[in-house]
Amino acid sequence: MNNESTAKSRDLLISGLKTMADDAEETAKEKAQQLSNSAQSAQIKFKSSLHDVKKNVHTWGNKSREAFQTTGQYVQKNPWQSVAVGALAGLMAGLLLGRK
């Protein structure tokens, strides 16, 4: 091989390597953008789920407050029945725990 042929081969090799590097850089940028889009999508889904949980907790809190108030009213109106129900519940729990 002569010097001119060697120089052309070297230039082609360098040109090919530059093209490969440019392509790799472009691919890396595209993948980073895709990951960024995925992260944004995940963040939106997380915020939506968090909003739903907060709303449900608020609803459950209101329902449990109503249940406690209703139970309190029942106990005030029917104290002996409440004592009997409590004793029965304690007996059942004792029997279930005594089995183990």
PDB file of N, CA and C in Angstrom:
ATOM      1  N   MET A   1       0.839  -1.179   0.000  1.00  0.00           N
ATOM      2  CA  MET A   1       0.000   0.000   0.000  1.00  0.00           C
ATOM      3  C   MET A   1       0.876   1.232   0.000  1.00  0.00           C
ATOM      4  N   ASN A   2       0.422   2.220  -0.739  1.00  0.00           N
ATOM      5  CA  ASN A   2       1.188   3.462  -0.747  1.00  0.00           C
ATOM      6  C   ASN A   2       0.631   4.420   0.289  1.00  0.00           C
ATOM      7  N   ASN A   3       1.273   5.526   0.440  1.00  0.00           N
ATOM      8  CA  ASN A   3       0.892   6.509   1.445  1.00  0.00           C
ATOM      9  C   ASN A   3      -0.482   7.109   1.170  1.00  0.00           C
ATOM     10  N   GLU A   4      -0.790   7.302  -0.109  1.00  0.00           N
ATOM     11  CA  GLU A   4      -2.090   7.879  -0.463  1.00  0.00           C
ATOM     12  C   GLU A   4      -3.221   6.928  -0.112  1.00  0.00           C
ATOM     13  N   SER A   5      -3.048   5.666  -0.371  1.00  0.00           N
ATOM     14  CA  SER A   5      -4.042   4.650  -0.058  1.00  0.00           C
ATOM     15  C   SER A   5      -4.211   4.522   1.458  1.00  0.00           C
ATOM     16  N   THR A   6      -3.123   4.580   2.173  1.00  0.00           N
ATOM     17  CA  THR A   6      -3.159   4.498   3.629  1.00  0.00           C
ATOM     18  C   THR A   6      -3.887   5.707   4.211  1.00  0.00           C
ATOM     19  N   ALA A   7      -3.623   6.867   3.652  1.00  0.00           N
ATOM     20  CA  ALA A   7      -4.269   8.094   4.134  1.00  0.00           C
ATOM     21  C   ALA A   7      -5.776   8.031   3.888  1.00  0.00           C
ATOM     22  N   LYS A   8      -6.180   7.518   2.721  1.00  0.00           N
ATOM     23  CA  LYS A   8      -7.605   7.397   2.415  1.00  0.00           C
ATOM     24  C   LYS A   8      -8.278   6.407   3.381  1.00  0.00           C
ATOM     25  N   SER A   9      -7.619   5.294   3.619  1.00  0.00           N
ATOM     26  CA  SER A   9      -8.171   4.302   4.541  1.00  0.00           C
ATOM     27  C   SER A   9      -8.306   4.885   5.938  1.00  0.00           C
ATOM     28  N   ARG A  10      -7.270   5.626   6.355  1.00  0.00           N
ATOM     29  CA  ARG A  10      -7.307   6.250   7.675  1.00  0.00           C
ATOM     30  C   ARG A  10      -8.444   7.261   7.751  1.00  0.00           C
ATOM     31  N   ASP A  11      -8.584   8.085   6.687  1.00  0.00           N
ATOM     32  CA  ASP A  11      -9.651   9.088   6.662  1.00  0.00           C
ATOM     33  C   ASP A  11     -11.035   8.434   6.685  1.00  0.00           C
ATOM     34  N   LEU A  12     -11.191   7.335   5.955  1.00  0.00           N
ATOM     35  CA  LEU A  12     -12.469   6.605   5.963  1.00  0.00           C
ATOM     36  C   LEU A  12     -12.756   6.024   7.345  1.00  0.00           C
ATOM     37  N   LEU A  13     -11.724   5.487   7.969  1.00  0.00           N
ATOM     38  CA  LEU A  13     -11.889   4.922   9.303  1.00  0.00           C
ATOM     39  C   LEU A  13     -12.275   6.014  10.301  1.00  0.00           C
ATOM     40  N   ILE A  14     -11.590   7.137  10.240  1.00  0.00           N
ATOM     41  CA  ILE A  14     -11.890   8.252  11.148  1.00  0.00           C
ATOM     42  C   ILE A  14     -13.289   8.779  10.887  1.00  0.00           C
ATOM     43  N   SER A  15     -13.653   8.913   9.623  1.00  0.00           N
ATOM     44  CA  SER A  15     -14.984   9.378   9.252  1.00  0.00           C
ATOM     45  C   SER A  15     -16.050   8.408   9.775  1.00  0.00           C
ATOM     46  N   GLY A  16     -15.795   7.108   9.617  1.00  0.00           N
ATOM     47  CA  GLY A  16     -16.739   6.104  10.111  1.00  0.00           C
ATOM     48  C   GLY A  16     -16.868   6.146  11.628  1.00  0.00           C
ATOM     49  N   LEU A  17     -15.748   6.332  12.316  1.00  0.00           N
ATOM     50  CA  LEU A  17     -15.785   6.419  13.773  1.00  0.00           C
ATOM     51  C   LEU A  17     -16.542   7.666  14.231  1.00  0.00           C
ATOM     52  N   LYS A  18     -16.340   8.777  13.523  1.00  0.00           N
ATOM     53  CA  LYS A  18     -17.075   9.994  13.874  1.00  0.00           C
ATOM     54  C   LYS A  18     -18.570   9.800  13.667  1.00  0.00           C
ATOM     55  N   THR A  19     -18.934   9.151  12.568  1.00  0.00           N
ATOM     56  CA  THR A  19     -20.341   8.878  12.290  1.00  0.00           C
ATOM     57  C   THR A  19     -20.926   7.970  13.371  1.00  0.00           C
ATOM     58  N   MET A  20     -20.184   6.940  13.761  1.00  0.00           N
ATOM     59  CA  MET A  20     -20.644   6.045  14.821  1.00  0.00           C
ATOM     60  C   MET A  20     -20.825   6.804  16.135  1.00  0.00           C
ATOM     61  N   ALA A  21     -19.884   7.681  16.446  1.00  0.00           N
ATOM     62  CA  ALA A  21     -19.969   8.453  17.685  1.00  0.00           C
ATOM     63  C   ALA A  21     -21.169   9.389  17.644  1.00  0.00           C
ATOM     64  N   ASP A  22     -21.388  10.031  16.496  1.00  0.00           N
ATOM     65  CA  ASP A  22     -22.554  10.917  16.359  1.00  0.00           C
ATOM     66  C   ASP A  22     -23.861  10.133  16.496  1.00  0.00           C
ATOM     67  N   ASP A  23     -23.923   8.962  15.863  1.00  0.00           N
ATOM     68  CA  ASP A  23     -25.119   8.127  15.963  1.00  0.00           C
ATOM     69  C   ASP A  23     -25.352   7.664  17.402  1.00  0.00           C
ATOM     70  N   ALA A  24     -24.278   7.288  18.073  1.00  0.00           N
ATOM     71  CA  ALA A  24     -24.405   6.846  19.464  1.00  0.00           C
ATOM     72  C   ALA A  24     -24.885   7.995  20.345  1.00  0.00           C
ATOM     73  N   GLU A  25     -24.370   9.185  20.100  1.00  0.00           N
ATOM     74  CA  GLU A  25     -24.788  10.348  20.878  1.00  0.00           C
ATOM     75  C   GLU A  25     -26.263  10.652  20.629  1.00  0.00           C
ATOM     76  N   GLU A  26     -26.692  10.584  19.405  1.00  0.00           N
ATOM     77  CA  GLU A  26     -28.096  10.835  19.059  1.00  0.00           C
ATOM     78  C   GLU A  26     -29.000   9.785  19.712  1.00  0.00           C
ATOM     79  N   THR A  27     -28.595   8.534  19.667  1.00  0.00           N
ATOM     80  CA  THR A  27     -29.363   7.464  20.296  1.00  0.00           C
ATOM     81  C   THR A  27     -29.459   7.688  21.803  1.00  0.00           C
ATOM     82  N   ALA A  28     -28.362   8.080  22.418  1.00  0.00           N
ATOM     83  CA  ALA A  28     -28.359   8.347  23.856  1.00  0.00           C
ATOM     84  C   ALA A  28     -29.321   9.488  24.188  1.00  0.00           C
ATOM     85  N   LYS A  29     -29.336  10.531  23.363  1.00  0.00           N
ATOM     86  CA  LYS A  29     -30.248  11.652  23.597  1.00  0.00           C
ATOM     87  C   LYS A  29     -31.706  11.209  23.473  1.00  0.00           C
ATOM     88  N   GLU A  30     -31.997  10.380  22.463  1.00  0.00           N
ATOM     89  CA  GLU A  30     -33.363   9.883  22.270  1.00  0.00           C
ATOM     90  C   GLU A  30     -33.802   9.031  23.458  1.00  0.00           C
ATOM     91  N   LYS A  31     -32.912   8.159  23.927  1.00  0.00           N
ATOM     92  CA  LYS A  31     -33.246   7.300  25.067  1.00  0.00           C
ATOM     93  C   LYS A  31     -33.448   8.138  26.328  1.00  0.00           C
ATOM     94  N   ALA A  32     -32.618   9.159  26.513  1.00  0.00           N
ATOM     95  CA  ALA A  32     -32.777  10.037  27.681  1.00  0.00           C
ATOM     96  C   ALA A  32     -34.121  10.746  27.627  1.00  0.00           C
ATOM     97  N   GLN A  33     -34.544  11.176  26.439  1.00  0.00           N
ATOM     98  CA  GLN A  33     -35.835  11.837  26.283  1.00  0.00           C
ATOM     99  C   GLN A  33     -36.972  10.869  26.585  1.00  0.00           C
ATOM    100  N   GLN A  34     -36.838   9.622  26.118  1.00  0.00           N
ATOM    101  CA  GLN A  34     -37.859   8.616  26.392  1.00  0.00           C
ATOM    102  C   GLN A  34     -37.967   8.352  27.886  1.00  0.00           C
ATOM    103  N   LEU A  35     -36.821   8.253  28.559  1.00  0.00           N
ATOM    104  CA  LEU A  35     -36.829   8.039  30.008  1.00  0.00           C
ATOM    105  C   LEU A  35     -37.458   9.223  30.720  1.00  0.00           C
ATOM    106  N   SER A  36     -37.152  10.418  30.233  1.00  0.00           N
ATOM    107  CA  SER A  36     -37.724  11.620  30.839  1.00  0.00           C
ATOM    108  C   SER A  36     -39.244  11.609  30.686  1.00  0.00           C
ATOM    109  N   ASN A  37     -39.723  11.240  29.509  1.00  0.00           N
ATOM    110  CA  ASN A  37     -41.172  11.154  29.284  1.00  0.00           C
ATOM    111  C   ASN A  37     -41.802  10.096  30.189  1.00  0.00           C
ATOM    112  N   SER A  38     -41.114   8.965  30.353  1.00  0.00           N
ATOM    113  CA  SER A  38     -41.625   7.907  31.228  1.00  0.00           C
ATOM    114  C   SER A  38     -41.675   8.393  32.669  1.00  0.00           C
ATOM    115  N   ALA A  39     -40.651   9.108  33.089  1.00  0.00           N
ATOM    116  CA  ALA A  39     -40.620   9.628  34.455  1.00  0.00           C
ATOM    117  C   ALA A  39     -41.742  10.636  34.674  1.00  0.00           C
ATOM    118  N   GLN A  40     -41.989  11.478  33.694  1.00  0.00           N
ATOM    119  CA  GLN A  40     -43.072  12.455  33.809  1.00  0.00           C
ATOM    120  C   GLN A  40     -44.421  11.738  33.892  1.00  0.00           C
ATOM    121  N   SER A  41     -44.590  10.712  33.084  1.00  0.00           N
ATOM    122  CA  SER A  41     -45.831   9.941  33.099  1.00  0.00           C
ATOM    123  C   SER A  41     -46.021   9.267  34.459  1.00  0.00           C
ATOM    124  N   ALA A  42     -44.951   8.696  34.997  1.00  0.00           N
ATOM    125  CA  ALA A  42     -45.026   8.050  36.310  1.00  0.00           C
ATOM    126  C   ALA A  42     -45.351   9.070  37.393  1.00  0.00           C
ATOM    127  N   GLN A  43     -44.785  10.256  37.288  1.00  0.00           N
ATOM    128  CA  GLN A  43     -45.039  11.303  38.282  1.00  0.00           C
ATOM    129  C   GLN A  43     -46.512  11.728  38.237  1.00  0.00           C
ATOM    130  N   ILE A  44     -47.062  11.858  37.044  1.00  0.00           N
ATOM    131  CA  ILE A  44     -48.470  12.239  36.900  1.00  0.00           C
ATOM    132  C   ILE A  44     -49.369  11.159  37.510  1.00  0.00           C
ATOM    133  N   LYS A  45     -49.062   9.892  37.233  1.00  0.00           N
ATOM    134  CA  LYS A  45     -49.856   8.790  37.795  1.00  0.00           C
ATOM    135  C   LYS A  45     -49.751   8.773  39.317  1.00  0.00           C
ATOM    136  N   PHE A  46     -48.541   9.015  39.840  1.00  0.00           N
ATOM    137  CA  PHE A  46     -48.343   9.029  41.292  1.00  0.00           C
ATOM    138  C   PHE A  46     -49.148  10.145  41.933  1.00  0.00           C
ATOM    139  N   LYS A  47     -49.121  11.330  41.335  1.00  0.00           N
ATOM    140  CA  LYS A  47     -49.875  12.457  41.896  1.00  0.00           C
ATOM    141  C   LYS A  47     -51.374  12.171  41.871  1.00  0.00           C
ATOM    142  N   SER A  48     -51.850  11.559  40.805  1.00  0.00           N
ATOM    143  CA  SER A  48     -53.262  11.220  40.705  1.00  0.00           C
ATOM    144  C   SER A  48     -53.655  10.200  41.779  1.00  0.00           C
ATOM    145  N   SER A  49     -52.821   9.183  41.959  1.00  0.00           N
ATOM    146  CA  SER A  49     -53.096   8.168  42.980  1.00  0.00           C
ATOM    147  C   SER A  49     -53.065   8.781  44.371  1.00  0.00           C
ATOM    148  N   LEU A  50     -52.114   9.662  44.622  1.00  0.00           N
ATOM    149  CA  LEU A  50     -52.019  10.320  45.921  1.00  0.00           C
ATOM    150  C   LEU A  50     -53.254  11.164  46.191  1.00  0.00           C
ATOM    151  N   HIS A  51     -53.741  11.856  45.166  1.00  0.00           N
ATOM    152  CA  HIS A  51     -54.950  12.657  45.306  1.00  0.00           C
ATOM    153  C   HIS A  51     -56.143  11.761  45.663  1.00  0.00           C
ATOM    154  N   ASP A  52     -56.250  10.615  44.982  1.00  0.00           N
ATOM    155  CA  ASP A  52     -57.347   9.678  45.261  1.00  0.00           C
ATOM    156  C   ASP A  52     -57.267   9.147  46.697  1.00  0.00           C
ATOM    157  N   VAL A  53     -56.058   8.827  47.141  1.00  0.00           N
ATOM    158  CA  VAL A  53     -55.892   8.317  48.505  1.00  0.00           C
ATOM    159  C   VAL A  53     -56.296   9.381  49.519  1.00  0.00           C
ATOM    160  N   LYS A  54     -55.875  10.613  49.297  1.00  0.00           N
ATOM    161  CA  LYS A  54     -56.237  11.688  50.226  1.00  0.00           C
ATOM    162  C   LYS A  54     -57.754  11.862  50.287  1.00  0.00           C
ATOM    163  N   LYS A  55     -58.391  11.799  49.120  1.00  0.00           N
ATOM    164  CA  LYS A  55     -59.849  11.937  49.071  1.00  0.00           C
ATOM    165  C   LYS A  55     -60.517  10.786  49.814  1.00  0.00           C
ATOM    166  N   ASN A  56     -60.036   9.559  49.617  1.00  0.00           N
ATOM    167  CA  ASN A  56     -60.616   8.393  50.290  1.00  0.00           C
ATOM    168  C   ASN A  56     -60.396   8.447  51.792  1.00  0.00           C
ATOM    169  N   VAL A  57     -59.224   8.886  52.220  1.00  0.00           N
ATOM    170  CA  VAL A  57     -58.955   8.986  53.655  1.00  0.00           C
ATOM    171  C   VAL A  57     -59.916   9.983  54.286  1.00  0.00           C
ATOM    172  N   HIS A  58     -60.149  11.080  53.607  1.00  0.00           N
ATOM    173  CA  HIS A  58     -61.083  12.084  54.119  1.00  0.00           C
ATOM    174  C   HIS A  58     -62.493  11.479  54.240  1.00  0.00           C
ATOM    175  N   THR A  59     -62.915  10.749  53.218  1.00  0.00           N
ATOM    176  CA  THR A  59     -64.227  10.105  53.228  1.00  0.00           C
ATOM    177  C   THR A  59     -64.317   9.072  54.341  1.00  0.00           C
ATOM    178  N   TRP A  60     -63.279   8.240  54.472  1.00  0.00           N
ATOM    179  CA  TRP A  60     -63.273   7.216  55.523  1.00  0.00           C
ATOM    180  C   TRP A  60     -63.290   7.857  56.903  1.00  0.00           C
ATOM    181  N   GLY A  61     -62.578   8.972  57.041  1.00  0.00           N
ATOM    182  CA  GLY A  61     -62.571   9.676  58.321  1.00  0.00           C
ATOM    183  C   GLY A  61     -63.953  10.157  58.693  1.00  0.00           C
ATOM    184  N   ASN A  62     -64.659  10.715  57.716  1.00  0.00           N
ATOM    185  CA  ASN A  62     -66.030  11.178  57.980  1.00  0.00           C
ATOM    186  C   ASN A  62     -66.947  10.012  58.340  1.00  0.00           C
ATOM    187  N   LYS A  63     -66.827   8.902  57.609  1.00  0.00           N
ATOM    188  CA  LYS A  63     -67.681   7.742  57.880  1.00  0.00           C
ATOM    189  C   LYS A  63     -67.382   7.141  59.243  1.00  0.00           C
ATOM    190  N   SER A  64     -66.102   7.066  59.616  1.00  0.00           N
ATOM    191  CA  SER A  64     -65.772   6.504  60.924  1.00  0.00           C
ATOM    192  C   SER A  64     -66.238   7.425  62.040  1.00  0.00           C
ATOM    193  N   ARG A  65     -66.161   8.729  61.819  1.00  0.00           N
ATOM    194  CA  ARG A  65     -66.652   9.687  62.816  1.00  0.00           C
ATOM    195  C   ARG A  65     -68.154   9.490  63.023  1.00  0.00           C
ATOM    196  N   GLU A  66     -68.890   9.319  61.932  1.00  0.00           N
ATOM    197  CA  GLU A  66     -70.334   9.076  62.021  1.00  0.00           C
ATOM    198  C   GLU A  66     -70.620   7.762  62.751  1.00  0.00           C
ATOM    199  N   ALA A  67     -69.827   6.735  62.463  1.00  0.00           N
ATOM    200  CA  ALA A  67     -70.033   5.437  63.112  1.00  0.00           C
ATOM    201  C   ALA A  67     -69.778   5.543  64.612  1.00  0.00           C
ATOM    202  N   PHE A  68     -68.730   6.263  65.004  1.00  0.00           N
ATOM    203  CA  PHE A  68     -68.457   6.432  66.432  1.00  0.00           C
ATOM    204  C   PHE A  68     -69.570   7.219  67.126  1.00  0.00           C
ATOM    205  N   GLN A  69     -70.078   8.224  66.452  1.00  0.00           N
ATOM    206  CA  GLN A  69     -71.171   9.005  67.043  1.00  0.00           C
ATOM    207  C   GLN A  69     -72.424   8.146  67.200  1.00  0.00           C
ATOM    208  N   THR A  70     -72.746   7.374  66.179  1.00  0.00           N
ATOM    209  CA  THR A  70     -73.915   6.500  66.234  1.00  0.00           C
ATOM    210  C   THR A  70     -73.743   5.457  67.342  1.00  0.00           C
ATOM    211  N   THR A  71     -72.544   4.892  67.438  1.00  0.00           N
ATOM    212  CA  THR A  71     -72.281   3.904  68.491  1.00  0.00           C
ATOM    213  C   THR A  71     -72.416   4.541  69.868  1.00  0.00           C
ATOM    214  N   GLY A  72     -71.877   5.739  70.020  1.00  0.00           N
ATOM    215  CA  GLY A  72     -71.986   6.446  71.301  1.00  0.00           C
ATOM    216  C   GLY A  72     -73.433   6.702  71.683  1.00  0.00           C
ATOM    217  N   GLN A  73     -74.233   7.092  70.715  1.00  0.00           N
ATOM    218  CA  GLN A  73     -75.657   7.333  70.983  1.00  0.00           C
ATOM    219  C   GLN A  73     -76.351   6.042  71.379  1.00  0.00           C
ATOM    220  N   TYR A  74     -76.034   4.949  70.706  1.00  0.00           N
ATOM    221  CA  TYR A  74     -76.653   3.658  71.022  1.00  0.00           C
ATOM    222  C   TYR A  74     -76.286   3.216  72.442  1.00  0.00           C
ATOM    223  N   VAL A  75     -75.000   3.386  72.778  1.00  0.00           N
ATOM    224  CA  VAL A  75     -74.551   2.977  74.109  1.00  0.00           C
ATOM    225  C   VAL A  75     -75.254   3.801  75.188  1.00  0.00           C
ATOM    226  N   GLN A  76     -75.453   5.095  74.936  1.00  0.00           N
ATOM    227  CA  GLN A  76     -76.143   5.942  75.915  1.00  0.00           C
ATOM    228  C   GLN A  76     -77.609   5.536  76.075  1.00  0.00           C
ATOM    229  N   LYS A  77     -78.236   5.131  74.981  1.00  0.00           N
ATOM    230  CA  LYS A  77     -79.649   4.743  75.041  1.00  0.00           C
ATOM    231  C   LYS A  77     -79.828   3.326  75.579  1.00  0.00           C
ATOM    232  N   ASN A  78     -78.878   2.445  75.339  1.00  0.00           N
ATOM    233  CA  ASN A  78     -78.993   1.033  75.717  1.00  0.00           C
ATOM    234  C   ASN A  78     -77.728   0.569  76.453  1.00  0.00           C
ATOM    235  N   PRO A  79     -77.488   1.049  77.649  1.00  0.00           N
ATOM    236  CA  PRO A  79     -76.221   0.718  78.322  1.00  0.00           C
ATOM    237  C   PRO A  79     -76.075  -0.763  78.655  1.00  0.00           C
ATOM    238  N   TRP A  80     -77.153  -1.444  79.114  1.00  0.00           N
ATOM    239  CA  TRP A  80     -77.028  -2.841  79.504  1.00  0.00           C
ATOM    240  C   TRP A  80     -76.848  -3.758  78.301  1.00  0.00           C
ATOM    241  N   GLN A  81     -77.500  -3.439  77.225  1.00  0.00           N
ATOM    242  CA  GLN A  81     -77.299  -4.225  76.004  1.00  0.00           C
ATOM    243  C   GLN A  81     -75.864  -4.058  75.516  1.00  0.00           C
ATOM    244  N   SER A  82     -75.336  -2.857  75.633  1.00  0.00           N
ATOM    245  CA  SER A  82     -73.954  -2.601  75.214  1.00  0.00           C
ATOM    246  C   SER A  82     -72.973  -3.385  76.068  1.00  0.00           C
ATOM    247  N   VAL A  83     -73.237  -3.447  77.377  1.00  0.00           N
ATOM    248  CA  VAL A  83     -72.380  -4.232  78.268  1.00  0.00           C
ATOM    249  C   VAL A  83     -72.436  -5.702  77.864  1.00  0.00           C
ATOM    250  N   ALA A  84     -73.624  -6.197  77.561  1.00  0.00           N
ATOM    251  CA  ALA A  84     -73.776  -7.603  77.160  1.00  0.00           C
ATOM    252  C   ALA A  84     -73.031  -7.888  75.860  1.00  0.00           C
ATOM    253  N   VAL A  85     -73.143  -6.988  74.896  1.00  0.00           N
ATOM    254  CA  VAL A  85     -72.442  -7.173  73.619  1.00  0.00           C
ATOM    255  C   VAL A  85     -70.934  -7.150  73.844  1.00  0.00           C
ATOM    256  N   GLY A  86     -70.461  -6.234  74.697  1.00  0.00           N
ATOM    257  CA  GLY A  86     -69.033  -6.165  75.007  1.00  0.00           C
ATOM    258  C   GLY A  86     -68.539  -7.425  75.687  1.00  0.00           C
ATOM    259  N   ALA A  87     -69.333  -7.937  76.630  1.00  0.00           N
ATOM    260  CA  ALA A  87     -68.952  -9.164  77.328  1.00  0.00           C
ATOM    261  C   ALA A  87     -68.921 -10.344  76.370  1.00  0.00           C
ATOM    262  N   LEU A  88     -69.908 -10.433  75.490  1.00  0.00           N
ATOM    263  CA  LEU A  88     -69.947 -11.511  74.506  1.00  0.00           C
ATOM    264  C   LEU A  88     -68.740 -11.432  73.568  1.00  0.00           C
ATOM    265  N   ALA A  89     -68.423 -10.233  73.134  1.00  0.00           N
ATOM    266  CA  ALA A  89     -67.260 -10.053  72.252  1.00  0.00           C
ATOM    267  C   ALA A  89     -65.984 -10.461  72.978  1.00  0.00           C
ATOM    268  N   GLY A  90     -65.849 -10.091  74.248  1.00  0.00           N
ATOM    269  CA  GLY A  90     -64.681 -10.489  75.028  1.00  0.00           C
ATOM    270  C   GLY A  90     -64.583 -11.986  75.204  1.00  0.00           C
ATOM    271  N   LEU A  91     -65.725 -12.627  75.452  1.00  0.00           N
ATOM    272  CA  LEU A  91     -65.756 -14.073  75.595  1.00  0.00           C
ATOM    273  C   LEU A  91     -65.327 -14.761  74.307  1.00  0.00           C
ATOM    274  N   MET A  92     -65.855 -14.291  73.175  1.00  0.00           N
ATOM    275  CA  MET A  92     -65.491 -14.877  71.875  1.00  0.00           C
ATOM    276  C   MET A  92     -64.000 -14.694  71.593  1.00  0.00           C
ATOM    277  N   ALA A  93     -63.493 -13.517  71.879  1.00  0.00           N
ATOM    278  CA  ALA A  93     -62.060 -13.265  71.647  1.00  0.00           C
ATOM    279  C   ALA A  93     -61.226 -14.169  72.546  1.00  0.00           C
ATOM    280  N   GLY A  94     -61.651 -14.331  73.806  1.00  0.00           N
ATOM    281  CA  GLY A  94     -60.919 -15.201  74.713  1.00  0.00           C
ATOM    282  C   GLY A  94     -60.910 -16.649  74.251  1.00  0.00           C
ATOM    283  N   LEU A  95     -62.056 -17.106  73.748  1.00  0.00           N
ATOM    284  CA  LEU A  95     -62.119 -18.482  73.247  1.00  0.00           C
ATOM    285  C   LEU A  95     -61.239 -18.679  72.021  1.00  0.00           C
ATOM    286  N   LEU A  96     -61.268 -17.707  71.119  1.00  0.00           N
ATOM    287  CA  LEU A  96     -60.450 -17.816  69.905  1.00  0.00           C
ATOM    288  C   LEU A  96     -58.949 -17.765  70.231  1.00  0.00           C
ATOM    289  N   LEU A  97     -58.577 -16.896  71.143  1.00  0.00           N
ATOM    290  CA  LEU A  97     -57.161 -16.781  71.505  1.00  0.00           C
ATOM    291  C   LEU A  97     -56.708 -17.972  72.351  1.00  0.00           C
ATOM    292  N   GLY A  98     -57.639 -18.558  73.119  1.00  0.00           N
ATOM    293  CA  GLY A  98     -57.302 -19.713  73.938  1.00  0.00           C
ATOM    294  C   GLY A  98     -57.051 -20.971  73.133  1.00  0.00           C
ATOM    295  N   ARG A  99     -57.504 -21.008  71.912  1.00  0.00           N
ATOM    296  CA  ARG A  99     -57.315 -22.193  71.052  1.00  0.00           C
ATOM    297  C   ARG A  99     -55.872 -22.362  70.626  1.00  0.00           C
ATOM    298  N   LYS A 100     -55.142 -21.291  70.536  1.00  0.00           N
ATOM    299  CA  LYS A 100     -53.763 -21.381  70.022  1.00  0.00           C
ATOM    300  C   LYS A 100     -52.851 -21.942  71.011  1.00  0.00           C
TER     301      LYS A 100
END
